[in-house]
Amino acid sequence: MTKKERAAFVIRTLKEIYPEVPVPLDHKDAYTLLIAVLLSAQCTDVRVDQITPILFAKADNPYDMIKMTVEEIQDIIRPCGLSPMKSKGIFGLSHILIDKYDGQVPATYEGLEELPAVGHKTASVVMSQAFGFPAFPVDTHIHRLMYRWNLSNGKNVVQTEKDAKAIFPEELWNDLHLQIIWYGRQYSPARGWNLEKDIITREIGRKSVLEAYYKKISR
């Protein structure tokens, strides 16, 4: 298959598996999404969804968040990991949102990426899921699968995002990046990978990846 044909196969297959695309992190607005995505760095979405109801019961907006101390925020979010950095980020960005944006989350990459603890991936998720702006946030699942599917060389997430945007139609980006994430978790994980369940990689997988897989299971 050509790269274009592989991309079409991915789109078609994911649409069949996920006709409705669930959003991974529980949230109710742009602010709670921003906080949830920030917390998800090096933490599972399941764990984040266990912690955010506790945090948001105390503060689900920047005005209430800055009434708490950094230490109080850290105590709540500790199970998510990186709590010293994340708690300072949440407290700091909440102040900035109040001082600069009247308590609202900015709907621009520039505005989001200048906030403490907010990088390009977090900004992309918020732009996509909160504001409907076409974006293709690349997490570890997407980075892994784009390489496995021979749609990107896997050098870094910046290149993977560039390759994904080049090969997939813009109008599909917001759904497709979520579909790939769900597929990566359920059918093509980094650990405990069973190629028999992974229909996409089995069909279009990079030759070297498939050879390495079969070599490993034949030992």
N, C-alpha and C. Protein backbone atom coordinates (compact mmCIF):
# COMPACT_ATOMS: atom_id res chain seq x y z
N MET A 1 0.83 -1.20 0.00
CA MET A 1 0.00 0.00 0.00
C MET A 1 0.87 1.26 0.00
N THR A 2 0.38 2.29 -0.63
CA THR A 2 1.03 3.59 -0.55
C THR A 2 0.68 4.22 0.80
N LYS A 3 1.39 5.29 1.16
CA LYS A 3 1.11 5.97 2.43
C LYS A 3 -0.33 6.50 2.44
N LYS A 4 -0.76 7.00 1.30
CA LYS A 4 -2.13 7.52 1.20
C LYS A 4 -3.15 6.40 1.42
N GLU A 5 -2.88 5.24 0.87
CA GLU A 5 -3.78 4.09 1.04
C GLU A 5 -3.77 3.59 2.48
N ARG A 6 -2.61 3.61 3.11
CA ARG A 6 -2.53 3.20 4.53
C ARG A 6 -3.33 4.15 5.40
N ALA A 7 -3.20 5.46 5.12
CA ALA A 7 -3.94 6.46 5.89
C ALA A 7 -5.44 6.26 5.72
N ALA A 8 -5.88 5.97 4.50
CA ALA A 8 -7.30 5.75 4.23
C ALA A 8 -7.80 4.51 4.98
N PHE A 9 -6.96 3.48 5.05
CA PHE A 9 -7.33 2.27 5.78
C PHE A 9 -7.47 2.57 7.27
N VAL A 10 -6.57 3.37 7.80
CA VAL A 10 -6.64 3.76 9.21
C VAL A 10 -7.94 4.51 9.49
N ILE A 11 -8.24 5.50 8.66
CA ILE A 11 -9.46 6.31 8.83
C ILE A 11 -10.70 5.41 8.80
N ARG A 12 -10.75 4.56 7.81
CA ARG A 12 -11.92 3.69 7.62
C ARG A 12 -12.10 2.72 8.80
N THR A 13 -11.02 2.11 9.20
CA THR A 13 -11.09 1.13 10.28
C THR A 13 -11.46 1.77 11.61
N LEU A 14 -10.85 2.91 11.92
CA LEU A 14 -11.15 3.59 13.18
C LEU A 14 -12.59 4.10 13.23
N LYS A 15 -13.11 4.50 12.09
CA LYS A 15 -14.51 4.96 12.03
C LYS A 15 -15.46 3.80 12.33
N GLU A 16 -15.09 2.61 11.88
CA GLU A 16 -15.92 1.42 12.14
C GLU A 16 -15.86 1.03 13.62
N ILE A 17 -14.68 1.13 14.20
CA ILE A 17 -14.51 0.73 15.61
C ILE A 17 -15.07 1.77 16.56
N TYR A 18 -14.86 3.05 16.23
CA TYR A 18 -15.30 4.15 17.10
C TYR A 18 -16.19 5.14 16.34
N PRO A 19 -17.42 4.73 16.03
CA PRO A 19 -18.32 5.65 15.32
C PRO A 19 -18.66 6.89 16.16
N GLU A 20 -18.69 6.70 17.48
CA GLU A 20 -18.83 7.82 18.41
C GLU A 20 -17.52 7.90 19.19
N VAL A 21 -16.95 9.10 19.28
CA VAL A 21 -15.62 9.24 19.87
C VAL A 21 -15.72 9.80 21.29
N PRO A 22 -15.46 8.97 22.30
CA PRO A 22 -15.50 9.48 23.67
C PRO A 22 -14.27 10.33 23.98
N VAL A 23 -14.46 11.37 24.80
CA VAL A 23 -13.34 12.21 25.22
C VAL A 23 -12.73 11.57 26.46
N PRO A 24 -11.40 11.38 26.48
CA PRO A 24 -10.78 10.62 27.57
C PRO A 24 -10.90 11.23 28.96
N LEU A 25 -10.83 12.55 29.09
CA LEU A 25 -10.80 13.17 30.41
C LEU A 25 -12.13 13.84 30.75
N ASP A 26 -12.63 13.58 31.96
CA ASP A 26 -13.88 14.21 32.40
C ASP A 26 -13.66 15.70 32.65
N HIS A 27 -14.55 16.52 32.10
CA HIS A 27 -14.47 17.96 32.32
C HIS A 27 -15.81 18.58 31.94
N LYS A 28 -16.00 19.84 32.32
CA LYS A 28 -17.27 20.51 32.01
C LYS A 28 -17.08 21.78 31.21
N ASP A 29 -15.85 22.29 31.15
CA ASP A 29 -15.59 23.52 30.41
C ASP A 29 -14.10 23.61 30.09
N ALA A 30 -13.71 24.71 29.47
CA ALA A 30 -12.31 24.85 29.04
C ALA A 30 -11.35 24.85 30.23
N TYR A 31 -11.73 25.46 31.33
CA TYR A 31 -10.83 25.52 32.49
C TYR A 31 -10.61 24.13 33.10
N THR A 32 -11.69 23.40 33.32
CA THR A 32 -11.53 22.07 33.93
C THR A 32 -10.82 21.11 32.97
N LEU A 33 -11.01 21.30 31.66
CA LEU A 33 -10.26 20.49 30.70
C LEU A 33 -8.78 20.83 30.77
N LEU A 34 -8.46 22.11 30.82
CA LEU A 34 -7.06 22.55 30.90
C LEU A 34 -6.37 21.92 32.12
N ILE A 35 -7.03 21.96 33.26
CA ILE A 35 -6.44 21.41 34.48
C ILE A 35 -6.29 19.89 34.36
N ALA A 36 -7.29 19.23 33.81
CA ALA A 36 -7.25 17.77 33.68
C ALA A 36 -6.12 17.34 32.74
N VAL A 37 -5.96 18.05 31.63
CA VAL A 37 -4.89 17.70 30.69
C VAL A 37 -3.53 17.96 31.31
N LEU A 38 -3.40 19.05 32.04
CA LEU A 38 -2.15 19.35 32.73
C LEU A 38 -1.80 18.22 33.71
N LEU A 39 -2.80 17.74 34.43
CA LEU A 39 -2.58 16.66 35.41
C LEU A 39 -2.22 15.34 34.74
N SER A 40 -2.62 15.16 33.48
CA SER A 40 -2.44 13.87 32.81
C SER A 40 -1.00 13.61 32.36
N ALA A 41 -0.13 14.61 32.48
CA ALA A 41 1.27 14.41 32.10
C ALA A 41 1.88 13.32 32.97
N GLN A 42 2.38 12.26 32.34
CA GLN A 42 2.98 11.12 33.04
C GLN A 42 2.04 10.53 34.08
N CYS A 43 0.75 10.55 33.77
CA CYS A 43 -0.27 9.97 34.65
C CYS A 43 -1.40 9.43 33.79
N THR A 44 -2.02 8.35 34.20
CA THR A 44 -3.09 7.77 33.40
C THR A 44 -4.35 8.62 33.50
N ASP A 45 -5.15 8.60 32.45
CA ASP A 45 -6.42 9.33 32.46
C ASP A 45 -7.35 8.78 33.54
N VAL A 46 -7.29 7.49 33.80
CA VAL A 46 -8.13 6.89 34.84
C VAL A 46 -7.82 7.52 36.19
N ARG A 47 -6.53 7.66 36.49
CA ARG A 47 -6.14 8.27 37.76
C ARG A 47 -6.56 9.74 37.81
N VAL A 48 -6.38 10.45 36.70
CA VAL A 48 -6.78 11.86 36.67
C VAL A 48 -8.28 11.99 36.94
N ASP A 49 -9.07 11.12 36.33
CA ASP A 49 -10.53 11.19 36.52
C ASP A 49 -10.96 10.82 37.95
N GLN A 50 -10.05 10.19 38.70
CA GLN A 50 -10.33 9.91 40.11
C GLN A 50 -10.01 11.11 40.99
N ILE A 51 -9.03 11.91 40.54
CA ILE A 51 -8.56 13.04 41.34
C ILE A 51 -9.32 14.33 41.06
N THR A 52 -9.65 14.58 39.80
CA THR A 52 -10.28 15.87 39.47
C THR A 52 -11.61 16.12 40.18
N PRO A 53 -12.47 15.12 40.42
CA PRO A 53 -13.69 15.43 41.17
C PRO A 53 -13.41 15.98 42.57
N ILE A 54 -12.33 15.48 43.19
CA ILE A 54 -11.96 15.97 44.53
C ILE A 54 -11.47 17.41 44.44
N LEU A 55 -10.60 17.67 43.43
CA LEU A 55 -10.07 19.03 43.25
C LEU A 55 -11.18 19.99 42.85
N PHE A 56 -12.02 19.59 41.88
CA PHE A 56 -13.04 20.50 41.35
C PHE A 56 -14.19 20.74 42.34
N ALA A 57 -14.35 19.84 43.32
CA ALA A 57 -15.35 20.08 44.36
C ALA A 57 -14.95 21.29 45.21
N LYS A 58 -13.65 21.52 45.31
CA LYS A 58 -13.15 22.68 46.04
C LYS A 58 -12.96 23.90 45.13
N ALA A 59 -12.54 23.63 43.88
CA ALA A 59 -12.25 24.74 42.96
C ALA A 59 -12.35 24.26 41.52
N ASP A 60 -13.41 24.69 40.84
CA ASP A 60 -13.55 24.33 39.43
C ASP A 60 -13.48 25.56 38.53
N ASN A 61 -12.89 26.63 39.07
CA ASN A 61 -12.70 27.87 38.32
C ASN A 61 -11.48 28.57 38.91
N PRO A 62 -10.85 29.45 38.16
CA PRO A 62 -9.61 30.08 38.66
C PRO A 62 -9.80 30.92 39.92
N TYR A 63 -10.97 31.53 40.08
CA TYR A 63 -11.19 32.37 41.25
C TYR A 63 -11.18 31.56 42.55
N ASP A 64 -11.79 30.40 42.51
CA ASP A 64 -11.77 29.53 43.69
C ASP A 64 -10.41 28.85 43.85
N MET A 65 -9.74 28.58 42.72
CA MET A 65 -8.46 27.87 42.79
C MET A 65 -7.42 28.71 43.54
N ILE A 66 -7.41 30.04 43.31
CA ILE A 66 -6.37 30.85 43.97
C ILE A 66 -6.69 31.12 45.43
N LYS A 67 -7.89 30.71 45.88
CA LYS A 67 -8.19 30.80 47.31
C LYS A 67 -7.48 29.68 48.08
N MET A 68 -7.07 28.65 47.33
CA MET A 68 -6.30 27.56 47.93
C MET A 68 -4.82 27.91 47.87
N THR A 69 -4.04 27.25 48.69
CA THR A 69 -2.59 27.43 48.62
C THR A 69 -2.01 26.39 47.65
N VAL A 70 -0.79 26.63 47.21
CA VAL A 70 -0.11 25.64 46.36
C VAL A 70 -0.01 24.31 47.09
N GLU A 71 0.23 24.37 48.39
CA GLU A 71 0.37 23.15 49.20
C GLU A 71 -0.95 22.38 49.26
N GLU A 72 -2.05 23.08 49.37
CA GLU A 72 -3.37 22.42 49.42
C GLU A 72 -3.68 21.74 48.08
N ILE A 73 -3.36 22.43 47.00
CA ILE A 73 -3.55 21.84 45.67
C ILE A 73 -2.67 20.61 45.53
N GLN A 74 -1.43 20.73 45.96
CA GLN A 74 -0.48 19.61 45.83
C GLN A 74 -0.95 18.39 46.62
N ASP A 75 -1.50 18.59 47.79
CA ASP A 75 -1.97 17.47 48.60
C ASP A 75 -3.06 16.68 47.88
N ILE A 76 -3.91 17.40 47.14
CA ILE A 76 -5.01 16.73 46.43
C ILE A 76 -4.51 15.98 45.20
N ILE A 77 -3.60 16.62 44.46
CA ILE A 77 -3.20 16.05 43.17
C ILE A 77 -1.98 15.14 43.27
N ARG A 78 -1.47 14.92 44.47
CA ARG A 78 -0.25 14.13 44.65
C ARG A 78 -0.29 12.78 43.93
N PRO A 79 -1.42 12.04 43.94
CA PRO A 79 -1.45 10.74 43.27
C PRO A 79 -1.19 10.80 41.76
N CYS A 80 -1.31 11.98 41.17
CA CYS A 80 -1.08 12.13 39.73
C CYS A 80 0.41 12.23 39.38
N GLY A 81 1.27 12.39 40.38
CA GLY A 81 2.69 12.51 40.10
C GLY A 81 3.07 13.93 39.70
N LEU A 82 4.35 14.25 39.83
CA LEU A 82 4.87 15.59 39.49
C LEU A 82 4.09 16.69 40.19
N SER A 83 3.58 16.38 41.39
CA SER A 83 2.67 17.31 42.06
C SER A 83 3.29 18.67 42.42
N PRO A 84 4.58 18.75 42.76
CA PRO A 84 5.13 20.09 43.05
C PRO A 84 5.04 21.03 41.84
N MET A 85 5.44 20.52 40.67
CA MET A 85 5.40 21.33 39.46
C MET A 85 3.96 21.61 39.02
N LYS A 86 3.13 20.59 39.07
CA LYS A 86 1.75 20.75 38.61
C LYS A 86 0.95 21.70 39.50
N SER A 87 1.14 21.61 40.82
CA SER A 87 0.38 22.47 41.74
C SER A 87 0.78 23.94 41.56
N LYS A 88 2.08 24.19 41.38
CA LYS A 88 2.54 25.55 41.11
C LYS A 88 1.98 26.06 39.78
N GLY A 89 1.94 25.16 38.77
CA GLY A 89 1.40 25.53 37.47
C GLY A 89 -0.07 25.89 37.53
N ILE A 90 -0.85 25.06 38.23
CA ILE A 90 -2.29 25.31 38.36
C ILE A 90 -2.56 26.63 39.08
N PHE A 91 -1.84 26.85 40.17
CA PHE A 91 -2.01 28.09 40.93
C PHE A 91 -1.59 29.30 40.10
N GLY A 92 -0.44 29.17 39.44
CA GLY A 92 0.08 30.29 38.65
C GLY A 92 -0.78 30.62 37.45
N LEU A 93 -1.22 29.61 36.72
CA LEU A 93 -2.02 29.88 35.52
C LEU A 93 -3.39 30.44 35.90
N SER A 94 -3.91 30.02 37.06
CA SER A 94 -5.21 30.54 37.51
C SER A 94 -5.11 32.04 37.77
N HIS A 95 -4.01 32.48 38.37
CA HIS A 95 -3.77 33.91 38.58
C HIS A 95 -3.71 34.65 37.25
N ILE A 96 -2.98 34.08 36.29
CA ILE A 96 -2.83 34.74 34.98
C ILE A 96 -4.19 34.84 34.27
N LEU A 97 -4.99 33.77 34.35
CA LEU A 97 -6.30 33.80 33.69
C LEU A 97 -7.17 34.92 34.27
N ILE A 98 -7.09 35.13 35.57
CA ILE A 98 -7.86 36.20 36.22
C ILE A 98 -7.31 37.57 35.83
N ASP A 99 -5.99 37.73 35.94
CA ASP A 99 -5.36 39.03 35.71
C ASP A 99 -5.40 39.47 34.25
N LYS A 100 -5.27 38.50 33.35
CA LYS A 100 -5.10 38.85 31.94
C LYS A 100 -6.31 38.53 31.06
N TYR A 101 -7.12 37.55 31.49
CA TYR A 101 -8.20 37.08 30.61
C TYR A 101 -9.57 37.07 31.27
N ASP A 102 -9.74 37.84 32.33
CA ASP A 102 -11.03 37.92 33.05
C ASP A 102 -11.54 36.55 33.47
N GLY A 103 -10.60 35.66 33.82
CA GLY A 103 -10.98 34.35 34.32
C GLY A 103 -11.29 33.32 33.25
N GLN A 104 -11.14 33.72 31.98
CA GLN A 104 -11.45 32.81 30.88
C GLN A 104 -10.16 32.18 30.32
N VAL A 105 -10.30 30.99 29.78
CA VAL A 105 -9.17 30.33 29.13
C VAL A 105 -9.03 30.90 27.72
N PRO A 106 -7.85 31.38 27.35
CA PRO A 106 -7.67 31.95 26.01
C PRO A 106 -7.79 30.88 24.92
N ALA A 107 -8.40 31.25 23.82
CA ALA A 107 -8.62 30.30 22.72
C ALA A 107 -7.56 30.48 21.64
N THR A 108 -6.30 30.65 22.07
CA THR A 108 -5.20 30.76 21.12
C THR A 108 -4.02 29.94 21.64
N TYR A 109 -3.21 29.43 20.70
CA TYR A 109 -2.02 28.70 21.10
C TYR A 109 -1.07 29.61 21.89
N GLU A 110 -0.93 30.83 21.41
CA GLU A 110 -0.01 31.77 22.06
C GLU A 110 -0.40 32.01 23.51
N GLY A 111 -1.69 32.25 23.72
CA GLY A 111 -2.18 32.51 25.07
C GLY A 111 -2.03 31.30 25.98
N LEU A 112 -2.34 30.13 25.45
CA LEU A 112 -2.26 28.90 26.25
C LEU A 112 -0.82 28.53 26.58
N GLU A 113 0.05 28.61 25.58
CA GLU A 113 1.42 28.14 25.78
C GLU A 113 2.27 29.07 26.65
N GLU A 114 1.77 30.26 26.92
CA GLU A 114 2.50 31.13 27.83
C GLU A 114 2.11 30.87 29.30
N LEU A 115 1.10 30.02 29.50
CA LEU A 115 0.69 29.69 30.87
C LEU A 115 1.66 28.70 31.50
N PRO A 116 1.90 28.81 32.80
CA PRO A 116 2.82 27.88 33.48
C PRO A 116 2.37 26.43 33.32
N ALA A 117 3.32 25.54 33.07
CA ALA A 117 3.09 24.08 32.98
C ALA A 117 2.23 23.67 31.78
N VAL A 118 2.02 24.60 30.85
CA VAL A 118 1.22 24.28 29.66
C VAL A 118 2.13 24.27 28.44
N GLY A 119 2.31 23.09 27.85
CA GLY A 119 3.11 22.95 26.65
C GLY A 119 2.25 22.85 25.41
N HIS A 120 2.87 22.55 24.28
CA HIS A 120 2.15 22.53 23.01
C HIS A 120 1.08 21.45 22.97
N LYS A 121 1.39 20.27 23.52
CA LYS A 121 0.41 19.19 23.48
C LYS A 121 -0.84 19.55 24.28
N THR A 122 -0.64 20.07 25.50
CA THR A 122 -1.77 20.48 26.33
C THR A 122 -2.58 21.56 25.63
N ALA A 123 -1.89 22.54 25.04
CA ALA A 123 -2.57 23.60 24.31
C ALA A 123 -3.37 23.03 23.14
N SER A 124 -2.81 22.07 22.45
CA SER A 124 -3.49 21.46 21.30
C SER A 124 -4.77 20.74 21.72
N VAL A 125 -4.71 20.03 22.85
CA VAL A 125 -5.89 19.32 23.34
C VAL A 125 -7.00 20.32 23.67
N VAL A 126 -6.64 21.40 24.35
CA VAL A 126 -7.63 22.41 24.72
C VAL A 126 -8.20 23.09 23.48
N MET A 127 -7.34 23.44 22.53
CA MET A 127 -7.81 24.08 21.30
C MET A 127 -8.77 23.16 20.55
N SER A 128 -8.46 21.88 20.54
CA SER A 128 -9.28 20.90 19.83
C SER A 128 -10.59 20.61 20.55
N GLN A 129 -10.51 20.21 21.81
CA GLN A 129 -11.67 19.68 22.52
C GLN A 129 -12.53 20.75 23.17
N ALA A 130 -11.92 21.85 23.55
CA ALA A 130 -12.70 22.92 24.19
C ALA A 130 -13.24 23.93 23.18
N PHE A 131 -12.42 24.20 22.14
CA PHE A 131 -12.78 25.27 21.21
C PHE A 131 -13.05 24.79 19.78
N GLY A 132 -12.87 23.51 19.52
CA GLY A 132 -13.18 22.96 18.20
C GLY A 132 -12.22 23.37 17.11
N PHE A 133 -11.06 23.88 17.49
CA PHE A 133 -10.06 24.29 16.51
C PHE A 133 -9.34 23.04 15.99
N PRO A 134 -9.16 22.90 14.67
CA PRO A 134 -8.49 21.71 14.15
C PRO A 134 -7.08 21.57 14.73
N ALA A 135 -6.83 20.48 15.42
CA ALA A 135 -5.53 20.24 16.03
C ALA A 135 -5.26 18.75 16.05
N PHE A 136 -4.00 18.39 16.18
CA PHE A 136 -3.64 16.97 16.22
C PHE A 136 -2.62 16.76 17.35
N PRO A 137 -3.10 16.81 18.62
CA PRO A 137 -2.19 16.61 19.75
C PRO A 137 -1.59 15.20 19.69
N VAL A 138 -0.30 15.11 19.85
CA VAL A 138 0.38 13.81 19.76
C VAL A 138 0.82 13.36 21.15
N ASP A 139 0.21 12.27 21.62
CA ASP A 139 0.66 11.67 22.87
C ASP A 139 1.48 10.43 22.56
N THR A 140 1.82 9.66 23.59
CA THR A 140 2.68 8.49 23.37
C THR A 140 2.02 7.44 22.49
N HIS A 141 0.70 7.30 22.59
CA HIS A 141 -0.02 6.32 21.77
C HIS A 141 0.06 6.69 20.28
N ILE A 142 -0.23 7.94 19.99
CA ILE A 142 -0.20 8.39 18.59
C ILE A 142 1.21 8.31 18.04
N HIS A 143 2.18 8.72 18.84
CA HIS A 143 3.58 8.67 18.42
C HIS A 143 3.98 7.23 18.08
N ARG A 144 3.59 6.29 18.93
CA ARG A 144 3.91 4.88 18.72
C ARG A 144 3.23 4.32 17.47
N LEU A 145 1.94 4.62 17.32
CA LEU A 145 1.18 4.02 16.21
C LEU A 145 1.53 4.64 14.86
N MET A 146 1.80 5.90 14.83
CA MET A 146 2.21 6.51 13.56
C MET A 146 3.50 5.86 13.05
N TYR A 147 4.36 5.47 13.99
CA TYR A 147 5.58 4.75 13.59
C TYR A 147 5.25 3.32 13.19
N ARG A 148 4.47 2.62 14.00
CA ARG A 148 4.10 1.24 13.68
C ARG A 148 3.40 1.13 12.33
N TRP A 149 2.61 2.15 12.01
CA TRP A 149 1.86 2.12 10.76
C TRP A 149 2.64 2.69 9.58
N ASN A 150 3.91 3.00 9.82
CA ASN A 150 4.79 3.51 8.77
C ASN A 150 4.24 4.81 8.15
N LEU A 151 3.66 5.65 9.02
CA LEU A 151 3.15 6.94 8.59
C LEU A 151 4.03 8.09 9.08
N SER A 152 5.01 7.75 9.94
CA SER A 152 5.97 8.74 10.42
C SER A 152 7.23 7.99 10.83
N ASN A 153 8.35 8.69 10.81
CA ASN A 153 9.63 8.03 11.12
C ASN A 153 9.90 7.89 12.61
N GLY A 154 9.05 8.50 13.44
CA GLY A 154 9.17 8.33 14.87
C GLY A 154 10.32 9.05 15.53
N LYS A 155 10.93 10.03 14.84
CA LYS A 155 12.08 10.74 15.42
C LYS A 155 11.69 11.52 16.67
N ASN A 156 10.59 12.23 16.61
CA ASN A 156 10.11 13.00 17.76
C ASN A 156 8.65 13.37 17.55
N VAL A 157 8.00 13.85 18.61
CA VAL A 157 6.56 14.14 18.53
C VAL A 157 6.26 15.32 17.61
N VAL A 158 7.22 16.23 17.49
CA VAL A 158 7.02 17.37 16.58
C VAL A 158 6.90 16.88 15.14
N GLN A 159 7.78 15.98 14.76
CA GLN A 159 7.73 15.42 13.41
C GLN A 159 6.49 14.57 13.22
N THR A 160 6.12 13.80 14.24
CA THR A 160 4.93 12.96 14.15
C THR A 160 3.68 13.82 13.92
N GLU A 161 3.58 14.93 14.66
CA GLU A 161 2.43 15.83 14.48
C GLU A 161 2.42 16.40 13.06
N LYS A 162 3.56 16.81 12.59
CA LYS A 162 3.67 17.36 11.23
C LYS A 162 3.24 16.31 10.19
N ASP A 163 3.69 15.07 10.35
CA ASP A 163 3.36 14.00 9.42
C ASP A 163 1.87 13.68 9.46
N ALA A 164 1.30 13.64 10.68
CA ALA A 164 -0.13 13.35 10.82
C ALA A 164 -0.99 14.40 10.13
N LYS A 165 -0.60 15.66 10.31
CA LYS A 165 -1.37 16.75 9.69
C LYS A 165 -1.24 16.74 8.17
N ALA A 166 -0.12 16.22 7.69
CA ALA A 166 0.09 16.17 6.23
C ALA A 166 -0.70 15.05 5.57
N ILE A 167 -0.87 13.93 6.29
CA ILE A 167 -1.46 12.75 5.68
C ILE A 167 -2.97 12.63 5.92
N PHE A 168 -3.47 13.21 7.03
CA PHE A 168 -4.89 13.10 7.35
C PHE A 168 -5.62 14.41 7.06
N PRO A 169 -6.85 14.34 6.53
CA PRO A 169 -7.62 15.55 6.24
C PRO A 169 -7.91 16.36 7.50
N GLU A 170 -7.78 17.66 7.40
CA GLU A 170 -7.92 18.55 8.56
C GLU A 170 -9.27 18.39 9.26
N GLU A 171 -10.32 18.16 8.50
CA GLU A 171 -11.65 18.06 9.11
C GLU A 171 -11.79 16.81 9.99
N LEU A 172 -10.84 15.87 9.89
CA LEU A 172 -10.88 14.65 10.70
C LEU A 172 -9.96 14.70 11.92
N TRP A 173 -9.10 15.71 11.99
CA TRP A 173 -8.07 15.72 13.03
C TRP A 173 -8.62 15.56 14.44
N ASN A 174 -9.65 16.33 14.78
CA ASN A 174 -10.12 16.35 16.16
C ASN A 174 -10.68 15.01 16.61
N ASP A 175 -11.39 14.32 15.73
CA ASP A 175 -11.89 12.98 16.06
C ASP A 175 -10.79 11.94 15.94
N LEU A 176 -9.99 12.07 14.91
CA LEU A 176 -9.01 11.03 14.59
C LEU A 176 -7.94 10.88 15.68
N HIS A 177 -7.46 11.99 16.22
CA HIS A 177 -6.41 11.85 17.25
C HIS A 177 -6.96 11.13 18.47
N LEU A 178 -8.25 11.33 18.79
CA LEU A 178 -8.86 10.60 19.90
C LEU A 178 -9.07 9.14 19.56
N GLN A 179 -9.50 8.87 18.33
CA GLN A 179 -9.70 7.48 17.91
C GLN A 179 -8.39 6.69 17.97
N ILE A 180 -7.30 7.33 17.54
CA ILE A 180 -6.00 6.65 17.58
C ILE A 180 -5.58 6.39 19.02
N ILE A 181 -5.83 7.34 19.91
CA ILE A 181 -5.49 7.14 21.32
C ILE A 181 -6.24 5.94 21.89
N TRP A 182 -7.54 5.88 21.65
CA TRP A 182 -8.34 4.75 22.15
C TRP A 182 -7.86 3.44 21.53
N TYR A 183 -7.56 3.47 20.26
CA TYR A 183 -7.09 2.25 19.59
C TYR A 183 -5.76 1.80 20.18
N GLY A 184 -4.87 2.74 20.42
CA GLY A 184 -3.57 2.41 20.99
C GLY A 184 -3.70 1.76 22.36
N ARG A 185 -4.62 2.26 23.15
CA ARG A 185 -4.83 1.70 24.48
C ARG A 185 -5.43 0.30 24.41
N GLN A 186 -6.39 0.12 23.53
CA GLN A 186 -7.18 -1.11 23.53
C GLN A 186 -6.63 -2.21 22.62
N TYR A 187 -5.97 -1.83 21.54
CA TYR A 187 -5.56 -2.84 20.55
C TYR A 187 -4.06 -2.86 20.24
N SER A 188 -3.36 -1.76 20.50
CA SER A 188 -1.95 -1.70 20.11
C SER A 188 -1.10 -1.02 21.17
N PRO A 189 -1.10 -1.58 22.40
CA PRO A 189 -0.35 -0.97 23.50
C PRO A 189 1.15 -1.18 23.36
N ALA A 190 1.90 -0.43 24.15
CA ALA A 190 3.36 -0.59 24.15
C ALA A 190 3.75 -1.91 24.81
N ARG A 191 3.03 -2.27 25.87
CA ARG A 191 3.30 -3.51 26.59
C ARG A 191 2.12 -4.46 26.47
N GLY A 192 2.42 -5.75 26.44
CA GLY A 192 1.35 -6.74 26.32
C GLY A 192 0.66 -6.70 24.98
N TRP A 193 1.41 -6.30 23.96
CA TRP A 193 0.85 -6.15 22.62
C TRP A 193 0.58 -7.51 21.99
N ASN A 194 -0.65 -7.69 21.49
CA ASN A 194 -1.04 -8.91 20.79
C ASN A 194 -1.43 -8.52 19.36
N LEU A 195 -0.57 -8.84 18.43
CA LEU A 195 -0.78 -8.43 17.04
C LEU A 195 -2.06 -9.02 16.45
N GLU A 196 -2.48 -10.17 16.97
CA GLU A 196 -3.70 -10.80 16.45
C GLU A 196 -4.93 -9.91 16.67
N LYS A 197 -4.89 -9.10 17.73
CA LYS A 197 -6.02 -8.20 18.02
C LYS A 197 -5.86 -6.85 17.32
N ASP A 198 -4.65 -6.61 16.83
CA ASP A 198 -4.31 -5.29 16.26
C ASP A 198 -4.48 -5.33 14.74
N ILE A 199 -5.71 -5.19 14.28
CA ILE A 199 -6.03 -5.36 12.86
C ILE A 199 -5.30 -4.35 11.97
N ILE A 200 -5.13 -3.13 12.45
CA ILE A 200 -4.51 -2.10 11.61
C ILE A 200 -3.03 -2.39 11.41
N THR A 201 -2.30 -2.62 12.50
CA THR A 201 -0.86 -2.90 12.36
C THR A 201 -0.63 -4.19 11.59
N ARG A 202 -1.48 -5.18 11.81
CA ARG A 202 -1.35 -6.45 11.10
C ARG A 202 -1.46 -6.26 9.59
N GLU A 203 -2.28 -5.29 9.21
CA GLU A 203 -2.54 -5.05 7.78
C GLU A 203 -1.52 -4.11 7.15
N ILE A 204 -1.12 -3.06 7.86
CA ILE A 204 -0.28 -2.03 7.23
C ILE A 204 1.00 -1.75 7.99
N GLY A 205 1.33 -2.57 8.98
CA GLY A 205 2.46 -2.29 9.86
C GLY A 205 3.80 -2.20 9.14
N ARG A 206 4.67 -1.39 9.70
CA ARG A 206 6.04 -1.25 9.22
C ARG A 206 6.71 -2.63 9.25
N LYS A 207 7.40 -2.97 8.19
CA LYS A 207 8.01 -4.30 8.06
C LYS A 207 8.93 -4.63 9.22
N SER A 208 9.77 -3.69 9.60
CA SER A 208 10.72 -3.95 10.68
C SER A 208 10.02 -4.17 12.02
N VAL A 209 8.89 -3.49 12.23
CA VAL A 209 8.12 -3.65 13.46
C VAL A 209 7.49 -5.04 13.51
N LEU A 210 6.93 -5.47 12.38
CA LEU A 210 6.31 -6.79 12.32
C LEU A 210 7.35 -7.89 12.50
N GLU A 211 8.49 -7.73 11.86
CA GLU A 211 9.56 -8.73 11.97
C GLU A 211 10.05 -8.84 13.42
N ALA A 212 10.20 -7.69 14.08
CA ALA A 212 10.65 -7.69 15.47
C ALA A 212 9.63 -8.36 16.38
N TYR A 213 8.35 -8.13 16.10
CA TYR A 213 7.28 -8.74 16.90
C TYR A 213 7.31 -10.26 16.77
N TYR A 214 7.35 -10.75 15.53
CA TYR A 214 7.32 -12.20 15.31
C TYR A 214 8.59 -12.87 15.85
N LYS A 215 9.70 -12.17 15.77
CA LYS A 215 10.94 -12.70 16.30
C LYS A 215 10.86 -12.84 17.82
N LYS A 216 10.22 -11.87 18.46
CA LYS A 216 10.10 -11.87 19.91
C LYS A 216 9.20 -13.00 20.40
N ILE A 217 8.06 -13.20 19.72
CA ILE A 217 7.11 -14.22 20.20
C ILE A 217 7.56 -15.63 19.83
N SER A 218 8.52 -15.76 18.91
CA SER A 218 9.00 -17.08 18.51
C SER A 218 10.10 -17.61 19.42
N ARG A 219 10.57 -16.76 20.33
CA ARG A 219 11.65 -17.19 21.22
C ARG A 219 11.16 -18.23 22.22
